[in-house]
Protein backbone atom coordinates (compact mmCIF):
# COMPACT_ATOMS: atom_id res chain seq x y z
CA MET A 1 165.29 81.86 86.25
CA ARG A 2 163.34 80.60 88.86
CA THR A 3 161.11 82.62 91.37
CA PRO A 4 159.79 80.43 94.45
CA LEU A 5 160.06 82.86 96.45
CA THR A 6 157.21 85.12 94.40
CA ASP A 7 155.78 82.08 93.47
CA ALA A 8 154.59 81.20 97.41
CA ALA A 9 153.66 84.92 97.74
CA LEU A 10 151.26 84.55 95.09
CA GLU A 11 150.24 81.42 96.20
CA ARG A 12 149.46 82.87 99.47
CA ILE A 13 147.28 85.68 97.77
CA THR A 14 145.45 83.32 95.67
CA ARG A 15 144.64 81.07 98.57
CA LEU A 16 142.28 84.19 99.73
CA GLY A 17 139.58 83.19 97.57
CA ALA A 18 138.75 86.00 95.13
CA ARG A 19 138.03 86.03 91.55
CA ARG A 20 140.86 85.97 89.03
CA ILE A 21 139.19 89.14 87.60
CA GLU A 22 136.91 92.02 88.88
CA PHE A 23 136.22 94.97 87.50
CA ASP A 24 136.01 97.60 90.26
CA LEU A 25 138.47 100.44 91.61
CA GLU A 26 136.93 100.47 94.78
CA ARG A 27 139.61 98.18 96.73
CA LEU A 28 142.99 99.10 95.10
CA PRO A 29 142.96 102.45 95.86
CA ILE A 30 142.00 101.68 99.95
CA LEU A 31 144.43 99.01 99.63
CA LEU A 32 147.27 101.14 98.38
CA GLU A 33 146.80 104.14 100.89
CA ARG A 34 147.27 101.50 103.88
CA LEU A 35 150.67 100.89 101.85
CA GLY A 36 151.69 104.50 101.98
CA ALA A 37 150.14 105.21 98.87
CA PRO A 38 153.27 104.32 96.49
CA HIS A 39 150.82 105.28 93.39
CA ARG A 40 150.90 108.94 94.12
CA ARG A 41 155.40 108.40 94.37
CA LEU A 42 155.65 107.40 90.57
CA PRO A 43 157.79 109.09 87.81
CA PRO A 44 155.98 110.59 85.47
CA ILE A 45 153.62 108.26 83.36
CA VAL A 46 153.29 107.02 80.26
CA HIS A 47 149.42 104.82 80.28
CA VAL A 48 149.21 102.41 77.38
CA THR A 49 145.79 100.48 76.53
CA GLY A 50 144.19 98.95 73.23
CA THR A 51 144.00 95.76 72.26
CA ASN A 52 146.68 94.56 70.26
CA GLY A 53 150.37 96.51 70.62
CA LYS A 54 150.72 97.17 73.87
CA GLY A 55 153.77 94.78 74.20
CA SER A 56 155.75 96.35 70.98
CA VAL A 57 154.59 99.56 71.72
CA VAL A 58 156.65 99.77 75.02
CA ALA A 59 158.86 97.72 74.13
CA CYS A 60 159.67 100.73 71.40
CA LEU A 61 159.29 103.60 73.79
CA ASN A 62 161.87 101.55 76.30
CA ALA A 63 164.15 101.71 73.40
CA MET A 64 164.40 105.11 72.54
CA LEU A 65 163.89 106.63 75.95
CA SER A 66 166.94 103.92 77.07
CA GLN A 67 168.75 105.86 73.84
CA GLN A 68 168.87 109.30 75.12
CA GLY A 69 169.60 108.33 78.83
CA VAL A 70 166.30 108.34 80.38
CA LYS A 71 165.67 105.53 83.12
CA VAL A 72 162.87 103.73 82.34
CA GLN A 73 160.51 101.77 84.65
CA ARG A 74 158.08 99.34 82.89
CA PHE A 75 154.72 97.29 83.79
CA ILE A 76 153.89 95.06 81.58
CA SER A 77 151.59 91.87 81.16
CA PRO A 78 150.80 88.63 81.32
CA TYR A 79 153.89 87.38 82.05
CA LEU A 80 155.23 84.71 80.20
CA SER A 81 157.69 82.46 81.79
CA ARG A 82 158.15 83.97 85.94
CA PRO A 83 155.72 86.77 87.05
CA THR A 84 159.17 89.17 87.79
CA GLU A 85 159.04 89.95 83.71
CA GLN A 86 156.15 91.95 84.81
CA VAL A 87 158.29 94.93 86.83
CA LEU A 88 160.75 95.83 84.89
CA LEU A 89 163.16 98.49 86.98
CA ALA A 90 165.55 100.65 85.11
CA ASP A 91 168.23 98.70 86.25
CA GLY A 92 166.29 95.65 84.52
CA GLU A 93 164.07 93.04 86.06
CA ILE A 94 162.97 92.58 89.36
CA SER A 95 164.75 90.02 91.79
CA ASP A 96 162.64 86.96 93.22
CA GLN A 97 163.32 88.68 96.71
CA ALA A 98 162.69 92.51 95.89
CA TYR A 99 158.87 90.57 94.26
CA ALA A 100 158.62 88.51 96.82
CA GLN A 101 158.71 91.25 99.68
CA ALA A 102 156.59 93.74 98.04
CA LEU A 103 153.68 90.83 97.26
CA THR A 104 154.11 89.82 101.44
CA GLN A 105 153.55 93.66 102.20
CA VAL A 106 150.77 94.20 99.94
CA ALA A 107 149.24 90.76 101.55
CA ASP A 108 149.93 91.47 105.30
CA VAL A 109 148.80 95.17 104.56
CA ASN A 110 145.17 93.21 102.98
CA ASP A 111 144.28 91.59 106.08
CA GLY A 112 143.25 88.07 104.71
CA ALA A 113 140.50 89.97 102.97
CA PRO A 114 139.92 88.32 99.28
CA LEU A 115 142.13 89.75 96.81
CA PRO A 116 142.29 89.14 93.28
CA VAL A 117 145.96 87.79 91.89
CA PHE A 118 146.02 91.13 89.44
CA GLU A 119 145.25 93.69 92.04
CA ALA A 120 147.89 92.45 94.28
CA MET A 121 151.00 92.63 91.65
CA THR A 122 149.57 95.71 90.65
CA ALA A 123 149.70 96.86 93.70
CA ALA A 124 153.57 95.70 94.51
CA ALA A 125 155.19 96.55 91.54
CA PHE A 126 153.71 100.39 92.71
CA LEU A 127 155.79 99.90 95.78
CA CYS A 128 158.66 98.74 93.87
CA PHE A 129 158.23 101.73 91.47
CA ALA A 130 158.14 103.92 93.73
CA ASN A 131 161.03 102.62 96.07
CA SER A 132 163.31 102.49 92.73
CA PRO A 133 164.83 106.12 90.90
CA ALA A 134 163.64 106.32 87.26
CA ASP A 135 162.21 109.28 85.03
CA VAL A 136 159.28 107.66 83.06
CA LEU A 137 156.94 104.55 84.07
CA LEU A 138 155.89 102.73 81.09
CA LEU A 139 152.58 101.53 82.71
CA GLU A 140 150.97 98.63 80.39
CA CYS A 141 146.68 98.15 81.51
CA GLY A 142 145.64 94.43 82.14
CA MET A 143 142.79 94.44 80.52
CA GLY A 144 140.67 97.64 79.18
CA GLY A 145 141.16 100.44 80.63
CA ARG A 146 138.64 102.59 83.02
CA LEU A 147 138.15 99.26 85.90
CA ASP A 148 141.75 98.14 85.05
CA SER A 149 143.97 97.94 88.53
CA THR A 150 146.44 100.57 86.66
CA ASN A 151 143.87 102.95 86.19
CA VAL A 152 144.23 104.22 89.79
CA VAL A 153 147.27 106.33 89.83
CA PRO A 154 146.35 110.09 90.20
CA GLU A 155 148.39 111.39 87.16
CA VAL A 156 149.49 110.80 84.30
CA CYS A 157 151.65 112.25 81.19
CA VAL A 158 150.58 110.73 78.15
CA SER A 159 147.97 108.22 77.73
CA VAL A 160 148.28 105.84 75.04
CA VAL A 161 146.24 103.88 72.24
CA THR A 162 147.19 101.34 70.47
CA PRO A 163 144.95 99.03 68.00
CA VAL A 164 141.24 98.05 69.34
CA ASP A 165 139.31 95.09 68.00
CA LEU A 166 137.31 92.45 69.54
CA ASP A 167 138.30 90.73 72.01
CA HIS A 168 137.34 90.04 76.12
CA GLN A 169 133.73 91.13 74.80
CA ALA A 170 132.55 89.45 78.42
CA PHE A 171 134.58 92.18 80.11
CA LEU A 172 134.40 94.70 77.77
CA GLY A 173 131.37 94.93 75.71
CA PRO A 174 130.40 92.94 72.28
CA ASP A 175 131.98 95.40 69.90
CA THR A 176 134.41 97.64 69.11
CA ALA A 177 132.58 101.10 70.30
CA SER A 178 131.54 99.28 73.35
CA ILE A 179 135.28 98.27 73.91
CA ALA A 180 136.91 101.66 72.83
CA ARG A 181 134.77 103.25 75.33
CA GLU A 182 136.44 101.09 77.87
CA LYS A 183 139.71 102.11 76.76
CA ALA A 184 139.37 105.47 76.69
CA GLY A 185 138.31 105.30 80.43
CA ILE A 186 142.00 105.71 81.01
CA PHE A 187 142.09 109.65 79.86
CA ARG A 188 142.91 112.73 82.49
CA ALA A 189 141.45 115.96 81.45
CA GLY A 190 143.57 118.03 79.57
CA VAL A 191 146.04 115.25 79.28
CA PRO A 192 147.69 114.22 75.48
CA VAL A 193 146.14 111.47 74.27
CA VAL A 194 148.43 109.14 71.12
CA ALA A 195 146.27 107.02 69.68
CA ASN A 196 146.07 104.66 66.45
CA PRO A 197 142.72 102.70 66.94
CA GLN A 198 142.07 101.94 63.25
CA ASP A 199 138.87 100.47 63.39
CA ALA A 200 136.47 103.06 61.98
CA ASP A 201 134.27 102.75 65.50
CA ALA A 202 137.06 103.09 67.78
CA VAL A 203 138.60 106.27 66.58
CA ALA A 204 135.27 107.97 66.82
CA VAL A 205 134.96 106.74 70.41
CA VAL A 206 138.79 107.65 71.17
CA GLN A 207 137.90 111.18 69.09
CA GLY A 208 135.15 111.92 71.02
CA ALA A 209 136.64 110.81 74.73
CA ALA A 210 139.18 112.97 73.92
CA GLU A 211 137.24 116.16 72.86
CA ALA A 212 134.83 115.96 76.23
CA LEU A 213 137.99 116.04 78.19
CA GLY A 214 139.54 118.40 76.30
CA CYS A 215 142.33 116.39 76.00
CA PRO A 216 144.67 116.96 72.94
CA LEU A 217 144.22 113.88 70.50
CA HIS A 218 147.26 112.92 68.39
CA LEU A 219 145.37 110.72 65.78
CA ALA A 220 147.26 108.01 63.06
CA GLY A 221 146.67 109.05 59.70
CA ARG A 222 145.69 112.23 60.68
CA ASP A 223 147.98 113.84 63.03
CA TRP A 224 151.20 111.51 61.76
CA SER A 225 151.94 108.55 59.56
CA ILE A 226 154.18 106.55 58.38
CA ASP A 227 154.96 105.14 55.14
CA SER A 228 156.16 101.47 55.89
CA ALA A 229 157.81 100.73 52.60
CA THR A 230 160.12 103.97 52.26
CA GLY A 231 160.30 104.38 56.71
CA ALA A 232 159.00 107.28 56.33
CA TYR A 233 157.16 109.37 59.31
CA GLU A 234 155.35 112.77 59.28
CA GLY A 235 154.23 113.77 62.40
CA ILE A 236 155.65 116.54 64.16
CA ARG A 237 158.73 116.19 62.76
CA ARG A 238 159.93 114.29 59.26
CA LEU A 239 161.75 111.08 60.23
CA SER A 240 163.54 108.19 58.50
CA LEU A 241 162.39 105.43 60.68
CA PRO A 242 164.54 102.25 60.17
CA PRO A 243 163.28 98.75 60.19
CA PRO A 244 161.85 97.88 63.17
CA GLY A 245 163.66 94.41 65.21
CA LEU A 246 159.83 92.94 65.14
CA HIS A 247 159.04 90.99 62.30
CA GLY A 248 155.85 92.16 60.32
CA ASP A 249 153.77 95.55 58.69
CA HIS A 250 151.83 95.82 62.18
CA GLN A 251 155.73 96.69 63.39
CA TRP A 252 155.65 99.61 61.51
CA ARG A 253 152.96 101.06 62.73
CA ASN A 254 153.37 99.87 66.34
CA ALA A 255 156.78 101.66 66.13
CA ALA A 256 155.78 105.12 64.73
CA LEU A 257 153.39 105.31 67.87
CA ALA A 258 155.84 105.31 69.73
CA VAL A 259 157.56 108.01 68.01
CA ALA A 260 154.22 110.02 67.74
CA VAL A 261 154.44 109.25 71.50
CA MET A 262 157.98 110.31 71.75
CA GLU A 263 157.15 113.60 70.61
CA VAL A 264 154.11 114.52 72.82
CA LEU A 265 156.53 113.00 75.64
CA SER A 266 159.29 115.23 74.78
CA GLU A 267 157.21 118.54 75.74
CA ARG A 268 156.13 117.46 78.71
CA ALA A 269 158.62 115.84 80.68
CA GLY A 270 161.78 117.58 81.00
CA VAL A 271 164.17 114.31 80.64
CA VAL A 272 163.07 113.49 77.54
CA ARG A 273 164.21 114.81 74.24
CA PRO A 274 162.30 115.05 70.66
CA PRO A 275 162.84 111.97 68.69
CA ASP A 276 165.62 112.31 66.13
CA ALA A 277 167.50 110.36 64.16
CA GLY A 278 169.66 108.25 66.85
CA THR A 279 166.90 108.30 68.64
CA VAL A 280 165.07 106.48 66.32
CA ALA A 281 167.57 104.79 65.32
CA ALA A 282 166.88 101.97 68.34
CA LEU A 283 164.20 101.07 66.89
CA SER A 284 166.08 98.63 64.44
CA GLY A 285 167.58 96.68 67.98
CA VAL A 286 163.59 96.22 69.62
CA ARG A 287 163.07 92.84 70.39
CA LEU A 288 160.28 90.79 72.32
CA PRO A 289 159.63 87.83 73.45
CA ALA A 290 156.17 85.97 71.82
CA ARG A 291 155.80 88.45 68.83
CA PHE A 292 156.31 86.85 66.11
CA HIS A 293 160.02 85.75 65.78
CA GLN A 294 161.64 82.55 64.86
CA VAL A 295 163.14 79.89 67.99
CA ARG A 296 165.91 77.64 67.57
CA HIS A 297 164.69 73.91 68.20
CA PRO A 298 168.36 71.66 69.81
CA ASP A 299 167.42 69.49 67.77
CA ILE A 300 165.28 69.97 64.64
CA ALA A 301 166.81 71.82 62.21
CA ARG A 302 163.61 73.58 60.73
CA GLN A 303 162.04 77.30 60.60
CA ILE A 304 159.71 77.51 63.54
CA TRP A 305 158.13 80.65 64.03
CA VAL A 306 156.34 81.60 67.67
CA ASP A 307 153.31 84.62 68.37
CA GLY A 308 151.48 85.25 71.06
CA GLY A 309 148.31 86.67 69.33
CA HIS A 310 145.32 85.39 70.61
CA ASN A 311 142.51 86.85 69.17
CA VAL A 312 140.89 87.40 65.34
CA HIS A 313 143.27 90.85 65.25
CA ALA A 314 146.68 89.59 66.12
CA ALA A 315 146.17 86.57 63.67
CA THR A 316 145.19 88.53 60.72
CA ALA A 317 148.66 90.29 61.06
CA ALA A 318 150.40 87.30 62.28
CA ALA A 319 148.69 85.72 59.10
CA ALA A 320 150.30 88.35 56.88
CA ALA A 321 153.40 88.29 58.34
CA LEU A 322 154.02 84.54 57.10
CA ALA A 323 152.61 85.84 54.29
CA ALA A 324 155.63 87.93 53.07
CA LEU A 325 158.09 85.10 54.03
CA PRO A 326 159.30 82.85 50.57
CA SER A 327 156.51 79.93 50.50
CA LEU A 328 156.85 77.18 52.57
CA PRO A 329 153.77 74.79 53.90
CA LEU A 330 152.93 75.83 56.89
CA THR A 331 151.98 74.10 60.37
CA LEU A 332 150.19 75.93 62.70
CA VAL A 333 150.80 74.57 66.38
CA VAL A 334 148.12 75.68 68.30
CA GLY A 335 146.91 76.35 72.35
CA ILE A 336 144.37 78.37 73.13
CA LEU A 337 141.58 79.49 75.84
CA ASP A 338 138.25 78.21 75.79
CA ASN A 339 136.43 81.72 75.51
CA ARG A 340 138.58 82.67 72.58
CA PRO A 341 136.78 82.67 68.90
CA VAL A 342 139.15 79.85 67.63
CA ALA A 343 137.05 79.13 64.74
CA PRO A 344 137.56 83.11 63.28
CA PHE A 345 141.37 82.89 64.84
CA LEU A 346 142.17 79.67 62.36
CA SER A 347 140.09 81.47 59.33
CA ALA A 348 142.84 84.36 59.37
CA PHE A 349 145.02 81.69 58.36
CA ALA A 350 142.98 79.78 55.96
CA HIS A 351 144.48 81.29 53.08
CA LEU A 352 148.12 79.90 53.86
CA ASN A 353 145.97 76.47 54.00
CA PRO A 354 147.55 75.16 56.94
CA VAL A 355 147.69 71.94 58.91
CA VAL A 356 146.27 72.71 62.56
CA THR A 357 147.70 70.61 64.99
CA GLY A 358 145.71 71.30 68.42
CA VAL A 359 147.83 70.76 71.78
CA PRO A 360 147.47 71.75 75.45
CA ILE A 361 148.37 74.36 77.77
CA LEU A 362 150.06 73.47 81.02
CA HIS A 363 150.38 76.89 82.77
CA GLN A 364 149.25 79.80 83.18
CA PRO A 365 149.23 82.78 85.50
CA PRO A 366 146.85 82.98 88.45
CA TYR A 367 145.43 85.91 87.32
CA ALA A 368 143.98 84.40 83.44
CA VAL A 369 140.78 83.93 82.79
CA GLY A 370 139.53 80.94 80.98
CA THR A 371 140.62 77.41 80.87
CA PRO A 372 142.28 75.82 78.07
CA SER A 373 140.62 74.46 74.86
CA SER A 374 140.76 70.83 74.31
CA PRO A 375 143.65 69.77 71.97
CA ASN A 376 140.95 67.59 69.97
CA ARG A 377 137.94 70.38 70.00
CA ILE A 378 141.00 73.23 68.34
CA ALA A 379 141.64 69.78 65.52
CA ALA A 380 137.85 69.13 65.61
CA ILE A 381 137.06 73.13 64.70
CA ALA A 382 140.41 73.10 62.01
CA ARG A 383 137.95 70.10 60.14
CA GLU A 384 135.20 72.34 60.31
CA ILE A 385 135.89 75.20 59.04
CA GLY A 386 137.79 72.62 55.85
CA LEU A 387 141.14 72.86 56.91
CA ALA A 388 143.81 69.87 58.07
CA GLY A 389 143.42 69.05 61.85
CA GLN A 390 145.25 66.93 63.95
CA HIS A 391 145.86 66.99 68.08
CA ALA A 392 148.90 66.01 69.61
CA PRO A 393 148.90 65.39 73.90
CA SER A 394 152.50 67.90 73.68
CA TRP A 395 153.60 71.05 71.39
CA GLN A 396 157.20 68.88 71.72
CA GLN A 397 155.50 65.77 70.57
CA ALA A 398 153.75 67.60 67.78
CA LEU A 399 156.98 69.23 66.35
CA GLU A 400 158.30 65.53 66.20
CA LEU A 401 155.60 64.69 64.42
CA ILE A 402 156.04 67.25 61.77
CA ASN A 403 157.57 66.70 58.56
CA PRO A 404 161.25 68.91 58.62
CA ARG A 405 160.61 70.68 55.15
CA ARG A 406 157.55 72.68 56.30
CA ARG A 407 157.03 75.48 58.48
CA VAL A 408 155.87 76.08 62.15
CA LEU A 409 153.98 78.99 64.26
CA ILE A 410 153.18 77.66 67.49
CA THR A 411 150.59 80.49 68.22
CA GLY A 412 147.02 80.75 70.29
CA SER A 413 148.52 81.81 73.42
CA LEU A 414 151.19 84.19 74.92
CA TYR A 415 151.11 80.98 77.74
CA LEU A 416 151.74 78.50 75.38
CA VAL A 417 154.38 80.72 73.85
CA GLY A 418 155.81 80.88 77.37
CA GLU A 419 156.26 77.54 77.67
CA VAL A 420 157.73 77.38 74.08
CA LEU A 421 160.87 79.84 75.15
CA GLN A 422 162.09 78.03 78.23
CA THR A 423 163.19 75.67 76.18
CA MET A 424 163.84 77.40 72.47
CA PRO A 425 165.54 80.06 72.66
CA PRO A 426 164.99 82.86 69.96
CA CYS A 427 167.37 82.57 66.87
């Protein structure tokens, strides 16, 4: 589905000359007030932050809420193929025309001032959500939390923290404690927090921030848990979860985090019921593009997987998921931005002894930070850490050159995987 109207509206905003990312919340609240304060007319909000797993947790929540008949809106980022993927209304993805109209309204009210594209998209999304009926809004942070554009909402129902690890250090800080402080910036006084930060330093920061604000904290491992071998969940309730529709052991933890959120949300949003066997059964049907799944090549019969993980934590999870599959020689087709730690990312797969093929990334959202690494550089770094490294002018040509008996994982950037998914559908 093409989005020519939305693309034209975004191009108009891009021409205003703002930097792609500006970490402040001074400009956007003023702009939203000029738009009629749509951020004050939203359904009850579940605000989701974290380094990895945000999209998976939101997808799991959407599946369970929908199973209960709850009307759900979602704001997600980044998009893979088209900008309208970011704004999901209760009846589905927003239309090109409706999103373009909202973006045009934002640009008109902005009156020519510099405006980062993600801020404009957030404002337009709030306009669309405010003008469309729903029971719950699942609001995913773009980057960080404290100064993320989504954090302009005055009230939230539940704050959610997915695993926290190193990513975007230039903006969020050099270590997991610093990054966790930015993530905890979405907490509201007295509002419950459901969290699975995992890293010990991040756990300490989340606990301290919640205590300082009087937020009831529901922490993984302490207040709820999941046994991925049996699906046994213990939280406020005891439930048996089905295997998640998303592949990988880490998806059990994301699914359990979503169930813990449902338990808390049911106490704060009248339309939401506590999760029961019927509610959690919806987890088995969750699908999410670019989160470790197979795709089908129109001409080549082989195992091709895609995963949009772009940091070491995500690479480690993908490598573990690969290791759980029947053994096959592995080729990584990697396109990654130059602001990512390429060597540590590739090293996460080293125990699988892959061949690494560097490829270019051709398309990025207008708010993307960083430029694509050259295929030559990716191949050279692979060789420096002891892996076989090569490069190809495109991911399509890389697939043509790879022996059909090898398993392939296309990874390194959601933007690369977005290109792939336009051609190769999920199996």
